[in-house]
Amino acid sequence: MIKAESGNIIKLIGFLIVIIGVFFIVWMRSSIKSLEYRLAKYQAVQTELIKKQRNLYAIKDNELSIQNVDKVVKELGFDIPDRSKVYYVKSQKVSSLGKTDRSSETQ
């Protein structure tokens, strides 16, 4: 009698394990599918952002092109100076007392 009851309990436990396993597999598959949908949505956003980034790089390169910079410089009134009118200024070291240090010039 005890053996018959223990056999039924083992069958019941085995049946419950199978049922729980089936529900677990179904739950896992649905979770994986939902993750795949979310991943596809994020990949679409990523490709859109990459396109926008490329467009912004193109706009930046266009704005920094030599022709555009030359045009802006001329609009502001700047011009390329004549080489004969350019003066070079040497810098001098200034000591803490405010006097120029001429020791480097004598060398």
Protein backbone atom coordinates (compact mmCIF):
# COMPACT_ATOMS: atom_id res chain seq x y z
CA MET A 1 0.00 0.00 0.00
CA ILE A 2 2.81 2.40 0.85
CA LYS A 3 4.61 1.48 -2.39
CA ALA A 4 1.49 2.24 -4.45
CA GLU A 5 1.11 5.68 -2.84
CA SER A 6 4.79 6.52 -3.32
CA GLY A 7 4.55 5.48 -6.99
CA ASN A 8 1.58 7.83 -7.48
CA ILE A 9 3.45 10.65 -5.76
CA ILE A 10 6.47 10.15 -8.03
CA LYS A 11 4.20 10.16 -11.10
CA LEU A 12 2.48 13.31 -9.88
CA ILE A 13 5.83 15.04 -9.22
CA GLY A 14 7.09 13.99 -12.65
CA PHE A 15 3.92 15.29 -14.31
CA LEU A 16 4.20 18.61 -12.45
CA ILE A 17 7.87 18.93 -13.48
CA VAL A 18 6.93 18.37 -17.14
CA ILE A 19 4.09 20.94 -16.95
CA ILE A 20 6.33 23.49 -15.23
CA GLY A 21 9.05 22.83 -17.82
CA VAL A 22 6.62 23.42 -20.70
CA PHE A 23 5.42 26.70 -19.17
CA PHE A 24 9.02 27.75 -18.53
CA ILE A 25 9.98 27.08 -22.18
CA VAL A 26 6.95 29.02 -23.47
CA TRP A 27 7.76 31.93 -21.13
CA MET A 28 11.42 31.95 -22.22
CA ARG A 29 10.49 31.97 -25.92
CA SER A 30 8.07 34.87 -25.45
CA SER A 31 10.70 36.80 -23.45
CA ILE A 32 13.28 36.24 -26.16
CA LYS A 33 10.85 37.38 -28.87
CA SER A 34 10.05 40.56 -26.96
CA LEU A 35 13.78 41.24 -26.55
CA GLU A 36 14.27 40.71 -30.29
CA TYR A 37 11.54 43.27 -31.07
CA ARG A 38 13.08 45.80 -28.69
CA LEU A 39 16.51 45.19 -30.20
CA ALA A 40 15.14 45.75 -33.72
CA LYS A 41 13.58 49.03 -32.59
CA TYR A 42 16.87 50.19 -31.06
CA GLN A 43 18.79 49.20 -34.18
CA ALA A 44 16.42 51.28 -36.30
CA VAL A 45 17.03 54.25 -34.00
CA GLN A 46 20.77 53.64 -34.24
CA THR A 47 20.76 53.64 -38.05
CA GLU A 48 18.72 56.86 -38.06
CA LEU A 49 21.18 58.51 -35.66
CA ILE A 50 24.13 57.36 -37.78
CA LYS A 51 22.52 58.98 -40.84
CA LYS A 52 22.02 62.22 -38.91
CA GLN A 53 25.64 62.08 -37.71
CA ARG A 54 26.91 61.70 -41.28
CA ASN A 55 24.80 64.65 -42.39
CA LEU A 56 26.14 66.78 -39.54
CA TYR A 57 29.72 65.86 -40.44
CA ALA A 58 29.02 66.87 -44.05
CA ILE A 59 27.54 70.20 -42.92
CA LYS A 60 30.52 70.81 -40.63
CA ASP A 61 33.00 70.01 -43.38
CA ASN A 62 31.14 72.34 -45.73
CA GLU A 63 31.20 75.16 -43.18
CA LEU A 64 34.92 74.68 -42.52
CA SER A 65 35.89 74.48 -46.18
CA ILE A 66 38.51 76.92 -47.45
CA GLN A 67 36.08 78.64 -49.83
CA ASN A 68 33.57 79.27 -47.06
CA VAL A 69 36.23 80.52 -44.65
CA ASP A 70 37.63 82.85 -47.34
CA LYS A 71 34.13 84.19 -48.02
CA VAL A 72 33.48 84.89 -44.33
CA VAL A 73 36.90 86.53 -43.91
CA LYS A 74 36.25 88.85 -46.87
CA GLU A 75 32.77 89.69 -45.50
CA LEU A 76 34.39 90.73 -42.22
CA GLY A 77 36.79 93.01 -44.07
CA PHE A 78 39.98 91.04 -43.55
CA ASP A 79 42.46 90.68 -46.37
CA ILE A 80 45.73 88.87 -46.92
CA PRO A 81 48.51 91.32 -45.99
CA ASP A 82 51.32 92.30 -48.32
CA ARG A 83 54.54 90.51 -47.29
CA SER A 84 56.55 93.72 -47.41
CA LYS A 85 54.28 95.30 -44.78
CA VAL A 86 54.58 92.49 -42.25
CA TYR A 87 56.79 93.16 -39.22
CA TYR A 88 58.09 90.43 -36.94
CA VAL A 89 58.37 91.17 -33.23
CA LYS A 90 60.74 89.21 -31.02
CA SER A 91 59.57 88.51 -27.52
CA GLN A 92 61.75 89.41 -24.57
CA LYS A 93 61.82 87.73 -21.22
CA VAL A 94 60.61 89.95 -18.38
CA SER A 95 62.06 89.50 -14.91
CA SER A 96 59.94 89.72 -11.79
CA LEU A 97 61.06 93.34 -11.27
CA GLY A 98 59.60 94.40 -14.61
CA LYS A 99 62.96 94.90 -16.30
CA THR A 100 63.75 93.05 -19.49
CA ASP A 101 66.26 90.24 -19.26
CA ARG A 102 68.88 90.90 -21.92
CA SER A 103 71.23 88.07 -20.96
CA SER A 104 69.65 85.81 -23.55
CA GLU A 105 70.20 88.40 -26.30
CA THR A 106 73.98 88.60 -25.73
CA GLN A 107 74.46 84.91 -26.31
